[in-house]
Amino acid sequence: MAFLPQFIHPEKGPAIVQFLLLGLIFVIMSCLYTSMIAISIRPIGRLMKRTANIGQWSGKVAGLIYIWLGVKVAFQQR
């Protein structure tokens, strides 16, 4: 909500109407975005189940990323 006030212009009508309209647009866009993510996850999951190698390697890659981040933080200087 802190982002919306910069788009409210009192000279263009009641502020509450502008807030409600911007809030409605925000909610609709959030629902669409979340729905698109939920719809796209299922085919990706099916693909990963079909290719067992991807499933095995994804955990190893994620582990290597965490190890690399840990080493980077350990040797970081202030």
C-alpha atoms as a PDB file:
ATOM      1  CA  MET A   1       0.000   0.000   0.000  1.00  0.00           C
ATOM      2  CA  ALA A   2       2.953   2.360   0.456  1.00  0.00           C
ATOM      3  CA  PHE A   3       3.547   2.198  -3.295  1.00  0.00           C
ATOM      4  CA  LEU A   4       0.069   3.397  -4.304  1.00  0.00           C
ATOM      5  CA  PRO A   5      -0.078   6.975  -2.903  1.00  0.00           C
ATOM      6  CA  GLN A   6       2.287   8.283  -5.572  1.00  0.00           C
ATOM      7  CA  PHE A   7      -0.387   7.463  -8.173  1.00  0.00           C
ATOM      8  CA  ILE A   8      -3.207   9.288  -6.364  1.00  0.00           C
ATOM      9  CA  HIS A   9      -3.969  12.737  -7.745  1.00  0.00           C
ATOM     10  CA  PRO A  10      -6.603  14.704  -5.756  1.00  0.00           C
ATOM     11  CA  GLU A  11      -7.350  16.932  -8.743  1.00  0.00           C
ATOM     12  CA  LYS A  12      -8.622  13.888 -10.689  1.00  0.00           C
ATOM     13  CA  GLY A  13     -11.396  12.993  -8.268  1.00  0.00           C
ATOM     14  CA  PRO A  14     -11.954  11.479  -4.823  1.00  0.00           C
ATOM     15  CA  ALA A  15      -8.844   9.795  -3.442  1.00  0.00           C
ATOM     16  CA  ILE A  16     -10.801   6.849  -2.010  1.00  0.00           C
ATOM     17  CA  VAL A  17     -12.104   5.929  -5.475  1.00  0.00           C
ATOM     18  CA  GLN A  18      -8.592   6.063  -6.886  1.00  0.00           C
ATOM     19  CA  PHE A  19      -7.277   3.912  -4.014  1.00  0.00           C
ATOM     20  CA  LEU A  20     -10.039   1.346  -4.535  1.00  0.00           C
ATOM     21  CA  LEU A  21      -9.409   1.191  -8.282  1.00  0.00           C
ATOM     22  CA  LEU A  22      -5.654   0.788  -7.868  1.00  0.00           C
ATOM     23  CA  GLY A  23      -6.197  -1.825  -5.145  1.00  0.00           C
ATOM     24  CA  LEU A  24      -8.574  -3.768  -7.386  1.00  0.00           C
ATOM     25  CA  ILE A  25      -6.072  -3.687 -10.245  1.00  0.00           C
ATOM     26  CA  PHE A  26      -3.351  -4.901  -7.864  1.00  0.00           C
ATOM     27  CA  VAL A  27      -5.501  -7.796  -6.612  1.00  0.00           C
ATOM     28  CA  ILE A  28      -6.474  -8.877 -10.138  1.00  0.00           C
ATOM     29  CA  MET A  29      -2.882  -8.804 -11.352  1.00  0.00           C
ATOM     30  CA  SER A  30      -1.727 -10.749  -8.274  1.00  0.00           C
ATOM     31  CA  CYS A  31      -4.381 -13.417  -8.843  1.00  0.00           C
ATOM     32  CA  LEU A  32      -3.409 -13.767 -12.502  1.00  0.00           C
ATOM     33  CA  TYR A  33       0.287 -13.980 -11.677  1.00  0.00           C
ATOM     34  CA  THR A  34      -0.230 -16.577  -8.947  1.00  0.00           C
ATOM     35  CA  SER A  35      -2.560 -18.607 -11.163  1.00  0.00           C
ATOM     36  CA  MET A  36      -0.007 -18.636 -13.976  1.00  0.00           C
ATOM     37  CA  ILE A  37       2.654 -19.921 -11.584  1.00  0.00           C
ATOM     38  CA  ALA A  38       0.331 -22.651 -10.274  1.00  0.00           C
ATOM     39  CA  ILE A  39      -0.631 -23.730 -13.794  1.00  0.00           C
ATOM     40  CA  SER A  40       2.961 -23.872 -15.017  1.00  0.00           C
ATOM     41  CA  ILE A  41       4.240 -25.930 -12.068  1.00  0.00           C
ATOM     42  CA  ARG A  42       2.328 -29.088 -13.004  1.00  0.00           C
ATOM     43  CA  PRO A  43       3.939 -29.611 -16.449  1.00  0.00           C
ATOM     44  CA  ILE A  44       7.382 -28.908 -14.995  1.00  0.00           C
ATOM     45  CA  GLY A  45       6.758 -31.501 -12.261  1.00  0.00           C
ATOM     46  CA  ARG A  46       5.687 -34.075 -14.851  1.00  0.00           C
ATOM     47  CA  LEU A  47       8.817 -33.419 -16.879  1.00  0.00           C
ATOM     48  CA  MET A  48      11.026 -33.869 -13.828  1.00  0.00           C
ATOM     49  CA  LYS A  49       9.320 -37.184 -12.954  1.00  0.00           C
ATOM     50  CA  ARG A  50       9.899 -38.498 -16.484  1.00  0.00           C
ATOM     51  CA  THR A  51      13.575 -37.668 -16.431  1.00  0.00           C
ATOM     52  CA  ALA A  52      14.979 -39.227 -13.278  1.00  0.00           C
ATOM     53  CA  ASN A  53      18.428 -37.750 -13.870  1.00  0.00           C
ATOM     54  CA  ILE A  54      17.111 -34.215 -13.466  1.00  0.00           C
ATOM     55  CA  GLY A  55      15.573 -35.128 -10.110  1.00  0.00           C
ATOM     56  CA  GLN A  56      18.795 -36.678  -8.874  1.00  0.00           C
ATOM     57  CA  TRP A  57      20.982 -33.810 -10.004  1.00  0.00           C
ATOM     58  CA  SER A  58      18.698 -30.992  -8.860  1.00  0.00           C
ATOM     59  CA  GLY A  59      19.358 -31.811  -5.193  1.00  0.00           C
ATOM     60  CA  LYS A  60      23.085 -31.994  -5.789  1.00  0.00           C
ATOM     61  CA  VAL A  61      23.122 -28.678  -7.650  1.00  0.00           C
ATOM     62  CA  ALA A  62      21.118 -26.997  -4.878  1.00  0.00           C
ATOM     63  CA  GLY A  63      23.540 -28.422  -2.289  1.00  0.00           C
ATOM     64  CA  LEU A  64      26.542 -27.137  -4.221  1.00  0.00           C
ATOM     65  CA  ILE A  65      24.974 -23.677  -4.429  1.00  0.00           C
ATOM     66  CA  TYR A  66      24.459 -23.615  -0.654  1.00  0.00           C
ATOM     67  CA  ILE A  67      28.022 -24.826  -0.033  1.00  0.00           C
ATOM     68  CA  TRP A  68      29.377 -22.157  -2.389  1.00  0.00           C
ATOM     69  CA  LEU A  69      27.355 -19.450  -0.638  1.00  0.00           C
ATOM     70  CA  GLY A  70      28.581 -20.674   2.756  1.00  0.00           C
ATOM     71  CA  VAL A  71      32.215 -20.601   1.655  1.00  0.00           C
ATOM     72  CA  LYS A  72      31.737 -17.153   0.151  1.00  0.00           C
ATOM     73  CA  VAL A  73      30.259 -15.825   3.410  1.00  0.00           C
ATOM     74  CA  ALA A  74      32.965 -17.512   5.474  1.00  0.00           C
ATOM     75  CA  PHE A  75      35.749 -15.762   3.559  1.00  0.00           C
ATOM     76  CA  GLN A  76      33.960 -12.448   3.218  1.00  0.00           C
ATOM     77  CA  GLN A  77      35.775  -9.489   4.708  1.00  0.00           C
ATOM     78  CA  ARG A  78      34.049  -6.549   6.305  1.00  0.00           C
END
